[in-house]
Amino acid sequence: MKKALYPMLAAALLLSACDEADIEKGTPSCVRQKIINLERDTPCDEGAYVKEYSFQGKTVYVFDAGNCIADGSAEVTDADCNTLGYLGGFGGSIQINGENFSNAKYKRTVWEQ
């Protein structure tokens, strides 16, 4: 009986749902919290993501709520969650702090829906 109970208990623990999003290791805690909030609050069923870039000598994060918002913008923050600006949106902004964001170097996708 005990031999059957332990594997079932282990399987139940592995399959149980977790409240935290699947976020890459090494992500700053404030960015992790913003991702959890984005996952919970995004109006889109798909397409939301957070990507990490190197830009203007800093690590920055782009938070995109998904592709269901026609004129939605993506927030750009630094590792301390200070908002640097927004990309896209109604005006199609492509600059952050006066520099074209196309100069940013992609590092990794931290989270995606």
PDB file of N, CA and C in Angstrom:
ATOM      1  N   MET A   1       0.814  -1.188   0.000  1.00  0.00           N
ATOM      2  CA  MET A   1       0.000   0.000   0.000  1.00  0.00           C
ATOM      3  C   MET A   1       0.868   1.267   0.000  1.00  0.00           C
ATOM      4  N   LYS A   2       1.904   1.246   0.867  1.00  0.00           N
ATOM      5  CA  LYS A   2       2.777   2.416   0.945  1.00  0.00           C
ATOM      6  C   LYS A   2       3.512   2.643  -0.374  1.00  0.00           C
ATOM      7  N   LYS A   3       3.872   1.556  -1.040  1.00  0.00           N
ATOM      8  CA  LYS A   3       4.577   1.672  -2.312  1.00  0.00           C
ATOM      9  C   LYS A   3       3.722   2.363  -3.358  1.00  0.00           C
ATOM     10  N   ALA A   4       2.428   2.180  -3.327  1.00  0.00           N
ATOM     11  CA  ALA A   4       1.534   2.821  -4.285  1.00  0.00           C
ATOM     12  C   ALA A   4       1.212   4.256  -3.873  1.00  0.00           C
ATOM     13  N   LEU A   5       1.206   4.518  -2.581  1.00  0.00           N
ATOM     14  CA  LEU A   5       0.833   5.845  -2.077  1.00  0.00           C
ATOM     15  C   LEU A   5       1.885   6.898  -2.415  1.00  0.00           C
ATOM     16  N   TYR A   6       3.152   6.571  -2.245  1.00  0.00           N
ATOM     17  CA  TYR A   6       4.210   7.545  -2.478  1.00  0.00           C
ATOM     18  C   TYR A   6       4.291   8.027  -3.932  1.00  0.00           C
ATOM     19  N   PRO A   7       4.245   7.148  -4.918  1.00  0.00           N
ATOM     20  CA  PRO A   7       4.252   7.629  -6.304  1.00  0.00           C
ATOM     21  C   PRO A   7       3.016   8.490  -6.640  1.00  0.00           C
ATOM     22  N   MET A   8       1.864   8.124  -6.082  1.00  0.00           N
ATOM     23  CA  MET A   8       0.656   8.921  -6.346  1.00  0.00           C
ATOM     24  C   MET A   8       0.776  10.291  -5.704  1.00  0.00           C
ATOM     25  N   LEU A   9       1.330  10.358  -4.506  1.00  0.00           N
ATOM     26  CA  LEU A   9       1.521  11.640  -3.831  1.00  0.00           C
ATOM     27  C   LEU A   9       2.517  12.511  -4.600  1.00  0.00           C
ATOM     28  N   ALA A  10       3.591  11.907  -5.060  1.00  0.00           N
ATOM     29  CA  ALA A  10       4.580  12.649  -5.845  1.00  0.00           C
ATOM     30  C   ALA A  10       3.971  13.183  -7.136  1.00  0.00           C
ATOM     31  N   ALA A  11       3.184  12.356  -7.802  1.00  0.00           N
ATOM     32  CA  ALA A  11       2.534  12.791  -9.043  1.00  0.00           C
ATOM     33  C   ALA A  11       1.563  13.927  -8.774  1.00  0.00           C
ATOM     34  N   ALA A  12       0.829  13.858  -7.691  1.00  0.00           N
ATOM     35  CA  ALA A  12      -0.121  14.920  -7.353  1.00  0.00           C
ATOM     36  C   ALA A  12       0.601  16.231  -7.102  1.00  0.00           C
ATOM     37  N   LEU A  13       1.737  16.174  -6.429  1.00  0.00           N
ATOM     38  CA  LEU A  13       2.508  17.395  -6.179  1.00  0.00           C
ATOM     39  C   LEU A  13       3.057  17.987  -7.469  1.00  0.00           C
ATOM     40  N   LEU A  14       3.518  17.145  -8.362  1.00  0.00           N
ATOM     41  CA  LEU A  14       4.065  17.625  -9.634  1.00  0.00           C
ATOM     42  C   LEU A  14       3.003  18.210 -10.541  1.00  0.00           C
ATOM     43  N   LEU A  15       1.805  17.675 -10.484  1.00  0.00           N
ATOM     44  CA  LEU A  15       0.740  18.124 -11.378  1.00  0.00           C
ATOM     45  C   LEU A  15      -0.114  19.243 -10.803  1.00  0.00           C
ATOM     46  N   SER A  16       0.109  19.580  -9.536  1.00  0.00           N
ATOM     47  CA  SER A  16      -0.720  20.625  -8.926  1.00  0.00           C
ATOM     48  C   SER A  16      -0.402  21.977  -9.543  1.00  0.00           C
ATOM     49  N   ALA A  17      -1.413  22.818  -9.641  1.00  0.00           N
ATOM     50  CA  ALA A  17      -1.265  24.141 -10.247  1.00  0.00           C
ATOM     51  C   ALA A  17      -0.449  25.047  -9.342  1.00  0.00           C
ATOM     52  N   CYS A  18       0.269  25.935  -9.955  1.00  0.00           N
ATOM     53  CA  CYS A  18       1.081  26.903  -9.239  1.00  0.00           C
ATOM     54  C   CYS A  18       0.560  28.292  -9.546  1.00  0.00           C
ATOM     55  N   ASP A  19       0.578  29.179  -8.549  1.00  0.00           N
ATOM     56  CA  ASP A  19       0.063  30.530  -8.739  1.00  0.00           C
ATOM     57  C   ASP A  19       1.025  31.421  -9.505  1.00  0.00           C
ATOM     58  N   GLU A  20       2.309  31.095  -9.508  1.00  0.00           N
ATOM     59  CA  GLU A  20       3.290  31.960 -10.137  1.00  0.00           C
ATOM     60  C   GLU A  20       3.485  31.602 -11.601  1.00  0.00           C
ATOM     61  N   ALA A  21       3.633  32.614 -12.415  1.00  0.00           N
ATOM     62  CA  ALA A  21       3.864  32.418 -13.846  1.00  0.00           C
ATOM     63  C   ALA A  21       5.213  31.727 -14.060  1.00  0.00           C
ATOM     64  N   ASP A  22       5.395  31.130 -15.223  1.00  0.00           N
ATOM     65  CA  ASP A  22       6.634  30.461 -15.584  1.00  0.00           C
ATOM     66  C   ASP A  22       7.634  31.532 -16.027  1.00  0.00           C
ATOM     67  N   ILE A  23       8.393  32.035 -15.065  1.00  0.00           N
ATOM     68  CA  ILE A  23       9.295  33.166 -15.280  1.00  0.00           C
ATOM     69  C   ILE A  23      10.737  32.666 -15.237  1.00  0.00           C
ATOM     70  N   GLU A  24      11.551  33.151 -16.172  1.00  0.00           N
ATOM     71  CA  GLU A  24      12.956  32.744 -16.236  1.00  0.00           C
ATOM     72  C   GLU A  24      13.713  33.099 -14.957  1.00  0.00           C
ATOM     73  N   LYS A  25      14.647  32.235 -14.589  1.00  0.00           N
ATOM     74  CA  LYS A  25      15.491  32.462 -13.415  1.00  0.00           C
ATOM     75  C   LYS A  25      16.346  33.707 -13.632  1.00  0.00           C
ATOM     76  N   GLY A  26      16.692  34.369 -12.540  1.00  0.00           N
ATOM     77  CA  GLY A  26      17.537  35.547 -12.605  1.00  0.00           C
ATOM     78  C   GLY A  26      16.784  36.831 -12.919  1.00  0.00           C
ATOM     79  N   THR A  27      15.467  36.761 -12.953  1.00  0.00           N
ATOM     80  CA  THR A  27      14.643  37.945 -13.228  1.00  0.00           C
ATOM     81  C   THR A  27      14.477  38.728 -11.930  1.00  0.00           C
ATOM     82  N   PRO A  28      14.716  40.057 -11.956  1.00  0.00           N
ATOM     83  CA  PRO A  28      14.562  40.860 -10.734  1.00  0.00           C
ATOM     84  C   PRO A  28      13.165  40.709 -10.121  1.00  0.00           C
ATOM     85  N   SER A  29      13.094  40.819  -8.796  1.00  0.00           N
ATOM     86  CA  SER A  29      11.840  40.570  -8.088  1.00  0.00           C
ATOM     87  C   SER A  29      10.722  41.515  -8.503  1.00  0.00           C
ATOM     88  N   CYS A  30      11.018  42.785  -8.734  1.00  0.00           N
ATOM     89  CA  CYS A  30       9.940  43.710  -9.125  1.00  0.00           C
ATOM     90  C   CYS A  30       9.428  43.368 -10.527  1.00  0.00           C
ATOM     91  N   VAL A  31      10.311  42.902 -11.407  1.00  0.00           N
ATOM     92  CA  VAL A  31       9.898  42.483 -12.751  1.00  0.00           C
ATOM     93  C   VAL A  31       9.046  41.221 -12.643  1.00  0.00           C
ATOM     94  N   ARG A  32       9.431  40.309 -11.757  1.00  0.00           N
ATOM     95  CA  ARG A  32       8.631  39.103 -11.521  1.00  0.00           C
ATOM     96  C   ARG A  32       7.214  39.477 -11.095  1.00  0.00           C
ATOM     97  N   GLN A  33       7.104  40.435 -10.170  1.00  0.00           N
ATOM     98  CA  GLN A  33       5.783  40.835  -9.686  1.00  0.00           C
ATOM     99  C   GLN A  33       4.959  41.485 -10.797  1.00  0.00           C
ATOM    100  N   LYS A  34       5.597  42.308 -11.624  1.00  0.00           N
ATOM    101  CA  LYS A  34       4.883  42.925 -12.747  1.00  0.00           C
ATOM    102  C   LYS A  34       4.397  41.856 -13.730  1.00  0.00           C
ATOM    103  N   ILE A  35       5.184  40.804 -13.911  1.00  0.00           N
ATOM    104  CA  ILE A  35       4.773  39.716 -14.807  1.00  0.00           C
ATOM    105  C   ILE A  35       3.559  38.992 -14.230  1.00  0.00           C
ATOM    106  N   ILE A  36       3.586  38.719 -12.940  1.00  0.00           N
ATOM    107  CA  ILE A  36       2.440  38.067 -12.299  1.00  0.00           C
ATOM    108  C   ILE A  36       1.190  38.919 -12.471  1.00  0.00           C
ATOM    109  N   ASN A  37       1.328  40.232 -12.292  1.00  0.00           N
ATOM    110  CA  ASN A  37       0.190  41.146 -12.475  1.00  0.00           C
ATOM    111  C   ASN A  37      -0.266  41.172 -13.933  1.00  0.00           C
ATOM    112  N   LEU A  38       0.686  41.192 -14.860  1.00  0.00           N
ATOM    113  CA  LEU A  38       0.343  41.203 -16.285  1.00  0.00           C
ATOM    114  C   LEU A  38      -0.410  39.934 -16.659  1.00  0.00           C
ATOM    115  N   GLU A  39       0.082  38.790 -16.189  1.00  0.00           N
ATOM    116  CA  GLU A  39      -0.582  37.526 -16.499  1.00  0.00           C
ATOM    117  C   GLU A  39      -2.017  37.522 -15.960  1.00  0.00           C
ATOM    118  N   ARG A  40      -2.198  38.057 -14.788  1.00  0.00           N
ATOM    119  CA  ARG A  40      -3.517  38.076 -14.164  1.00  0.00           C
ATOM    120  C   ARG A  40      -4.459  39.085 -14.827  1.00  0.00           C
ATOM    121  N   ASP A  41      -3.942  40.236 -15.237  1.00  0.00           N
ATOM    122  CA  ASP A  41      -4.786  41.351 -15.662  1.00  0.00           C
ATOM    123  C   ASP A  41      -4.885  41.572 -17.165  1.00  0.00           C
ATOM    124  N   THR A  42      -4.081  40.891 -17.969  1.00  0.00           N
ATOM    125  CA  THR A  42      -4.114  41.151 -19.408  1.00  0.00           C
ATOM    126  C   THR A  42      -5.484  40.790 -19.994  1.00  0.00           C
ATOM    127  N   PRO A  43      -6.011  41.640 -20.867  1.00  0.00           N
ATOM    128  CA  PRO A  43      -7.302  41.329 -21.489  1.00  0.00           C
ATOM    129  C   PRO A  43      -7.172  40.315 -22.632  1.00  0.00           C
ATOM    130  N   CYS A  44      -5.963  40.040 -23.056  1.00  0.00           N
ATOM    131  CA  CYS A  44      -5.744  39.159 -24.206  1.00  0.00           C
ATOM    132  C   CYS A  44      -5.589  37.703 -23.776  1.00  0.00           C
ATOM    133  N   ASP A  45      -6.071  36.816 -24.613  1.00  0.00           N
ATOM    134  CA  ASP A  45      -5.952  35.386 -24.355  1.00  0.00           C
ATOM    135  C   ASP A  45      -4.610  34.830 -24.820  1.00  0.00           C
ATOM    136  N   GLU A  46      -3.908  35.582 -25.662  1.00  0.00           N
ATOM    137  CA  GLU A  46      -2.615  35.115 -26.157  1.00  0.00           C
ATOM    138  C   GLU A  46      -1.763  36.295 -26.593  1.00  0.00           C
ATOM    139  N   GLY A  47      -0.486  36.038 -26.713  1.00  0.00           N
ATOM    140  CA  GLY A  47       0.426  37.032 -27.261  1.00  0.00           C
ATOM    141  C   GLY A  47       1.124  37.930 -26.255  1.00  0.00           C
ATOM    142  N   ALA A  48       0.762  37.847 -24.980  1.00  0.00           N
ATOM    143  CA  ALA A  48       1.443  38.676 -23.985  1.00  0.00           C
ATOM    144  C   ALA A  48       2.851  38.125 -23.755  1.00  0.00           C
ATOM    145  N   TYR A  49       3.802  39.037 -23.496  1.00  0.00           N
ATOM    146  CA  TYR A  49       5.172  38.595 -23.240  1.00  0.00           C
ATOM    147  C   TYR A  49       5.951  39.673 -22.508  1.00  0.00           C
ATOM    148  N   VAL A  50       7.098  39.249 -21.970  1.00  0.00           N
ATOM    149  CA  VAL A  50       8.082  40.163 -21.402  1.00  0.00           C
ATOM    150  C   VAL A  50       9.427  39.730 -21.965  1.00  0.00           C
ATOM    151  N   LYS A  51      10.109  40.670 -22.599  1.00  0.00           N
ATOM    152  CA  LYS A  51      11.416  40.386 -23.193  1.00  0.00           C
ATOM    153  C   LYS A  51      12.464  41.279 -22.557  1.00  0.00           C
ATOM    154  N   GLU A  52      13.673  40.758 -22.470  1.00  0.00           N
ATOM    155  CA  GLU A  52      14.789  41.463 -21.859  1.00  0.00           C
ATOM    156  C   GLU A  52      15.744  41.928 -22.953  1.00  0.00           C
ATOM    157  N   TYR A  53      16.172  43.181 -22.848  1.00  0.00           N
ATOM    158  CA  TYR A  53      17.090  43.767 -23.817  1.00  0.00           C
ATOM    159  C   TYR A  53      18.212  44.489 -23.089  1.00  0.00           C
ATOM    160  N   SER A  54      19.275  44.746 -23.806  1.00  0.00           N
ATOM    161  CA  SER A  54      20.316  45.655 -23.364  1.00  0.00           C
ATOM    162  C   SER A  54      20.111  46.938 -24.164  1.00  0.00           C
ATOM    163  N   PHE A  55      19.952  48.065 -23.449  1.00  0.00           N
ATOM    164  CA  PHE A  55      19.637  49.329 -24.124  1.00  0.00           C
ATOM    165  C   PHE A  55      20.196  50.482 -23.308  1.00  0.00           C
ATOM    166  N   GLN A  56      20.937  51.346 -23.947  1.00  0.00           N
ATOM    167  CA  GLN A  56      21.548  52.512 -23.313  1.00  0.00           C
ATOM    168  C   GLN A  56      22.375  52.121 -22.083  1.00  0.00           C
ATOM    169  N   GLY A  57      23.093  51.001 -22.197  1.00  0.00           N
ATOM    170  CA  GLY A  57      23.973  50.553 -21.123  1.00  0.00           C
ATOM    171  C   GLY A  57      23.270  49.890 -19.947  1.00  0.00           C
ATOM    172  N   LYS A  58      21.973  49.610 -20.077  1.00  0.00           N
ATOM    173  CA  LYS A  58      21.210  48.996 -18.987  1.00  0.00           C
ATOM    174  C   LYS A  58      20.453  47.784 -19.496  1.00  0.00           C
ATOM    175  N   THR A  59      20.063  46.934 -18.559  1.00  0.00           N
ATOM    176  CA  THR A  59      19.124  45.867 -18.867  1.00  0.00           C
ATOM    177  C   THR A  59      17.728  46.452 -18.733  1.00  0.00           C
ATOM    178  N   VAL A  60      16.923  46.290 -19.776  1.00  0.00           N
ATOM    179  CA  VAL A  60      15.550  46.802 -19.761  1.00  0.00           C
ATOM    180  C   VAL A  60      14.591  45.672 -20.132  1.00  0.00           C
ATOM    181  N   TYR A  61      13.326  45.891 -19.785  1.00  0.00           N
ATOM    182  CA  TYR A  61      12.296  44.882 -20.018  1.00  0.00           C
ATOM    183  C   TYR A  61      11.133  45.507 -20.775  1.00  0.00           C
ATOM    184  N   VAL A  62      10.631  44.788 -21.775  1.00  0.00           N
ATOM    185  CA  VAL A  62       9.478  45.238 -22.551  1.00  0.00           C
ATOM    186  C   VAL A  62       8.290  44.357 -22.166  1.00  0.00           C
ATOM    187  N   PHE A  63       7.251  45.004 -21.643  1.00  0.00           N
ATOM    188  CA  PHE A  63       6.025  44.330 -21.214  1.00  0.00           C
ATOM    189  C   PHE A  63       4.945  44.584 -22.256  1.00  0.00           C
ATOM    190  N   ASP A  64       4.528  43.531 -22.943  1.00  0.00           N
ATOM    191  CA  ASP A  64       3.479  43.650 -23.960  1.00  0.00           C
ATOM    192  C   ASP A  64       2.281  42.822 -23.507  1.00  0.00           C
ATOM    193  N   ALA A  65       1.099  43.448 -23.443  1.00  0.00           N
ATOM    194  CA  ALA A  65      -0.106  42.799 -22.921  1.00  0.00           C
ATOM    195  C   ALA A  65      -0.750  41.831 -23.904  1.00  0.00           C
ATOM    196  N   GLY A  66      -0.278  41.775 -25.132  1.00  0.00           N
ATOM    197  CA  GLY A  66      -0.829  40.821 -26.087  1.00  0.00           C
ATOM    198  C   GLY A  66      -1.294  41.471 -27.367  1.00  0.00           C
ATOM    199  N   ASN A  67      -1.778  40.629 -28.285  1.00  0.00           N
ATOM    200  CA  ASN A  67      -2.105  41.119 -29.621  1.00  0.00           C
ATOM    201  C   ASN A  67      -3.593  41.365 -29.842  1.00  0.00           C
ATOM    202  N   CYS A  68      -4.394  41.426 -28.786  1.00  0.00           N
ATOM    203  CA  CYS A  68      -5.825  41.682 -28.959  1.00  0.00           C
ATOM    204  C   CYS A  68      -6.161  43.168 -28.871  1.00  0.00           C
ATOM    205  N   ILE A  69      -5.166  43.994 -28.608  1.00  0.00           N
ATOM    206  CA  ILE A  69      -5.381  45.432 -28.471  1.00  0.00           C
ATOM    207  C   ILE A  69      -4.756  46.109 -29.688  1.00  0.00           C
ATOM    208  N   ALA A  70      -5.590  46.649 -30.559  1.00  0.00           N
ATOM    209  CA  ALA A  70      -5.104  47.201 -31.830  1.00  0.00           C
ATOM    210  C   ALA A  70      -4.094  48.325 -31.634  1.00  0.00           C
ATOM    211  N   ASP A  71      -4.360  49.236 -30.738  1.00  0.00           N
ATOM    212  CA  ASP A  71      -3.470  50.381 -30.541  1.00  0.00           C
ATOM    213  C   ASP A  71      -2.750  50.308 -29.199  1.00  0.00           C
ATOM    214  N   GLY A  72      -2.527  49.097 -28.706  1.00  0.00           N
ATOM    215  CA  GLY A  72      -1.861  48.930 -27.421  1.00  0.00           C
ATOM    216  C   GLY A  72      -0.388  49.262 -27.514  1.00  0.00           C
ATOM    217  N   SER A  73       0.157  49.677 -26.398  1.00  0.00           N
ATOM    218  CA  SER A  73       1.586  49.974 -26.352  1.00  0.00           C
ATOM    219  C   SER A  73       2.269  49.024 -25.386  1.00  0.00           C
ATOM    220  N   ALA A  74       3.563  48.893 -25.531  1.00  0.00           N
ATOM    221  CA  ALA A  74       4.369  48.038 -24.668  1.00  0.00           C
ATOM    222  C   ALA A  74       5.202  48.929 -23.752  1.00  0.00           C
ATOM    223  N   GLU A  75       5.113  48.660 -22.452  1.00  0.00           N
ATOM    224  CA  GLU A  75       5.865  49.441 -21.472  1.00  0.00           C
ATOM    225  C   GLU A  75       7.313  48.968 -21.436  1.00  0.00           C
ATOM    226  N   VAL A  76       8.237  49.908 -21.364  1.00  0.00           N
ATOM    227  CA  VAL A  76       9.660  49.599 -21.228  1.00  0.00           C
ATOM    228  C   VAL A  76      10.098  50.073 -19.845  1.00  0.00           C
ATOM    229  N   THR A  77      10.658  49.144 -19.049  1.00  0.00           N
ATOM    230  CA  THR A  77      11.129  49.495 -17.712  1.00  0.00           C
ATOM    231  C   THR A  77      12.583  49.083 -17.550  1.00  0.00           C
ATOM    232  N   ASP A  78      13.231  49.651 -16.542  1.00  0.00           N
ATOM    233  CA  ASP A  78      14.572  49.181 -16.195  1.00  0.00           C
ATOM    234  C   ASP A  78      14.437  48.049 -15.177  1.00  0.00           C
ATOM    235  N   ALA A  79      15.549  47.538 -14.685  1.00  0.00           N
ATOM    236  CA  ALA A  79      15.536  46.401 -13.759  1.00  0.00           C
ATOM    237  C   ALA A  79      14.933  46.750 -12.404  1.00  0.00           C
ATOM    238  N   ASP A  80      14.795  48.046 -12.112  1.00  0.00           N
ATOM    239  CA  ASP A  80      14.162  48.493 -10.868  1.00  0.00           C
ATOM    240  C   ASP A  80      12.697  48.862 -11.073  1.00  0.00           C
ATOM    241  N   CYS A  81      12.174  48.529 -12.248  1.00  0.00           N
ATOM    242  CA  CYS A  81      10.765  48.777 -12.611  1.00  0.00           C
ATOM    243  C   CYS A  81      10.415  50.250 -12.765  1.00  0.00           C
ATOM    244  N   ASN A  82      11.407  51.067 -13.042  1.00  0.00           N
ATOM    245  CA  ASN A  82      11.136  52.462 -13.390  1.00  0.00           C
ATOM    246  C   ASN A  82      10.729  52.497 -14.858  1.00  0.00           C
ATOM    247  N   THR A  83       9.590  53.100 -15.157  1.00  0.00           N
ATOM    248  CA  THR A  83       9.115  53.182 -16.531  1.00  0.00           C
ATOM    249  C   THR A  83       9.979  54.151 -17.319  1.00  0.00           C
ATOM    250  N   LEU A  84      10.527  53.677 -18.432  1.00  0.00           N
ATOM    251  CA  LEU A  84      11.361  54.506 -19.302  1.00  0.00           C
ATOM    252  C   LEU A  84      10.561  55.085 -20.456  1.00  0.00           C
ATOM    253  N   GLY A  85       9.469  54.423 -20.814  1.00  0.00           N
ATOM    254  CA  GLY A  85       8.635  54.886 -21.914  1.00  0.00           C
ATOM    255  C   GLY A  85       7.773  53.758 -22.440  1.00  0.00           C
ATOM    256  N   TYR A  86       7.131  54.039 -23.581  1.00  0.00           N
ATOM    257  CA  TYR A  86       6.211  53.074 -24.195  1.00  0.00           C
ATOM    258  C   TYR A  86       6.513  52.968 -25.685  1.00  0.00           C
ATOM    259  N   LEU A  87       6.402  51.764 -26.209  1.00  0.00           N
ATOM    260  CA  LEU A  87       6.602  51.512 -27.633  1.00  0.00           C
ATOM    261  C   LEU A  87       5.257  51.194 -28.275  1.00  0.00           C
ATOM    262  N   GLY A  88       5.097  51.598 -29.517  1.00  0.00           N
ATOM    263  CA  GLY A  88       3.855  51.308 -30.234  1.00  0.00           C
ATOM    264  C   GLY A  88       2.754  52.256 -29.828  1.00  0.00           C
ATOM    265  N   GLY A  89       1.544  51.723 -29.722  1.00  0.00           N
ATOM    266  CA  GLY A  89       0.403  52.549 -29.357  1.00  0.00           C
ATOM    267  C   GLY A  89      -0.136  53.312 -30.539  1.00  0.00           C
ATOM    268  N   PHE A  90      -1.050  54.222 -30.273  1.00  0.00           N
ATOM    269  CA  PHE A  90      -1.726  54.973 -31.321  1.00  0.00           C
ATOM    270  C   PHE A  90      -0.745  55.756 -32.194  1.00  0.00           C
ATOM    271  N   GLY A  91       0.239  56.370 -31.570  1.00  0.00           N
ATOM    272  CA  GLY A  91       1.221  57.166 -32.321  1.00  0.00           C
ATOM    273  C   GLY A  91       2.362  56.352 -32.898  1.00  0.00           C
ATOM    274  N   GLY A  92       2.475  55.097 -32.517  1.00  0.00           N
ATOM    275  CA  GLY A  92       3.540  54.241 -33.053  1.00  0.00           C
ATOM    276  C   GLY A  92       4.922  54.621 -32.567  1.00  0.00           C
ATOM    277  N   SER A  93       5.052  54.993 -31.310  1.00  0.00           N
ATOM    278  CA  SER A  93       6.332  55.416 -30.757  1.00  0.00           C
ATOM    279  C   SER A  93       7.391  54.327 -30.903  1.00  0.00           C
ATOM    280  N   ILE A  94       8.588  54.737 -31.308  1.00  0.00           N
ATOM    281  CA  ILE A  94       9.708  53.800 -31.447  1.00  0.00           C
ATOM    282  C   ILE A  94      10.931  54.273 -30.657  1.00  0.00           C
ATOM    283  N   GLN A  95      10.777  55.375 -29.908  1.00  0.00           N
ATOM    284  CA  GLN A  95      11.909  55.919 -29.176  1.00  0.00           C
ATOM    285  C   GLN A  95      11.701  55.837 -27.668  1.00  0.00           C
ATOM    286  N   ILE A  96      12.800  55.572 -26.975  1.00  0.00           N
ATOM    287  CA  ILE A  96      12.853  55.579 -25.522  1.00  0.00           C
ATOM    288  C   ILE A  96      14.026  56.468 -25.135  1.00  0.00           C
ATOM    289  N   ASN A  97      13.786  57.458 -24.312  1.00  0.00           N
ATOM    290  CA  ASN A  97      14.827  58.409 -23.907  1.00  0.00           C
ATOM    291  C   ASN A  97      15.533  59.036 -25.107  1.00  0.00           C
ATOM    292  N   GLY A  98      14.773  59.330 -26.163  1.00  0.00           N
ATOM    293  CA  GLY A  98      15.323  59.999 -27.332  1.00  0.00           C
ATOM    294  C   GLY A  98      16.113  59.115 -28.283  1.00  0.00           C
ATOM    295  N   GLU A  99      16.171  57.816 -28.017  1.00  0.00           N
ATOM    296  CA  GLU A  99      16.918  56.899 -28.894  1.00  0.00           C
ATOM    297  C   GLU A  99      15.974  55.846 -29.471  1.00  0.00           C
ATOM    298  N   ASN A 100      16.196  55.526 -30.726  1.00  0.00           N
ATOM    299  CA  ASN A 100      15.381  54.514 -31.385  1.00  0.00           C
ATOM    300  C   ASN A 100      15.602  53.165 -30.706  1.00  0.00           C
ATOM    301  N   PHE A 101      14.493  52.515 -30.333  1.00  0.00           N
ATOM    302  CA  PHE A 101      14.608  51.245 -29.618  1.00  0.00           C
ATOM    303  C   PHE A 101      15.129  50.118 -30.505  1.00  0.00           C
ATOM    304  N   SER A 102      15.187  50.331 -31.797  1.00  0.00           N
ATOM    305  CA  SER A 102      15.766  49.303 -32.675  1.00  0.00           C
ATOM    306  C   SER A 102      17.256  49.108 -32.385  1.00  0.00           C
ATOM    307  N   ASN A 103      17.871  50.047 -31.648  1.00  0.00           N
ATOM    308  CA  ASN A 103      19.274  49.902 -31.236  1.00  0.00           C
ATOM    309  C   ASN A 103      19.432  48.946 -30.057  1.00  0.00           C
ATOM    310  N   ALA A 104      18.337  48.551 -29.427  1.00  0.00           N
ATOM    311  CA  ALA A 104      18.396  47.628 -28.291  1.00  0.00           C
ATOM    312  C   ALA A 104      18.852  46.253 -28.768  1.00  0.00           C
ATOM    313  N   LYS A 105      19.564  45.564 -27.913  1.00  0.00           N
ATOM    314  CA  LYS A 105      20.045  44.204 -28.211  1.00  0.00           C
ATOM    315  C   LYS A 105      19.198  43.211 -27.418  1.00  0.00           C
ATOM    316  N   TYR A 106      18.495  42.351 -28.158  1.00  0.00           N
ATOM    317  CA  TYR A 106      17.662  41.328 -27.528  1.00  0.00           C
ATOM    318  C   TYR A 106      18.532  40.363 -26.735  1.00  0.00           C
ATOM    319  N   LYS A 107      18.116  40.063 -25.490  1.00  0.00           N
ATOM    320  CA  LYS A 107      18.833  39.096 -24.660  1.00  0.00           C
ATOM    321  C   LYS A 107      18.050  37.795 -24.506  1.00  0.00           C
ATOM    322  N   ARG A 108      16.780  37.899 -24.110  1.00  0.00           N
ATOM    323  CA  ARG A 108      15.988  36.690 -23.905  1.00  0.00           C
ATOM    324  C   ARG A 108      14.517  37.042 -23.686  1.00  0.00           C
ATOM    325  N   THR A 109      13.676  36.035 -23.839  1.00  0.00           N
ATOM    326  CA  THR A 109      12.272  36.149 -23.470  1.00  0.00           C
ATOM    327  C   THR A 109      12.164  35.658 -22.034  1.00  0.00           C
ATOM    328  N   VAL A 110      11.702  36.534 -21.157  1.00  0.00           N
ATOM    329  CA  VAL A 110      11.607  36.223 -19.735  1.00  0.00           C
ATOM    330  C   VAL A 110      10.318  35.458 -19.431  1.00  0.00           C
ATOM    331  N   TRP A 111       9.243  35.829 -20.119  1.00  0.00           N
ATOM    332  CA  TRP A 111       7.944  35.189 -19.912  1.00  0.00           C
ATOM    333  C   TRP A 111       7.093  35.391 -21.157  1.00  0.00           C
ATOM    334  N   GLU A 112       6.253  34.413 -21.469  1.00  0.00           N
ATOM    335  CA  GLU A 112       5.262  34.587 -22.522  1.00  0.00           C
ATOM    336  C   GLU A 112       4.021  33.784 -22.178  1.00  0.00           C
ATOM    337  N   GLN A 113       2.916  34.312 -22.628  1.00  0.00           N
ATOM    338  CA  GLN A 113       1.615  33.722 -22.330  1.00  0.00           C
ATOM    339  C   GLN A 113       1.384  32.448 -23.098  1.00  0.00           C
TER     340      GLN A 113
END
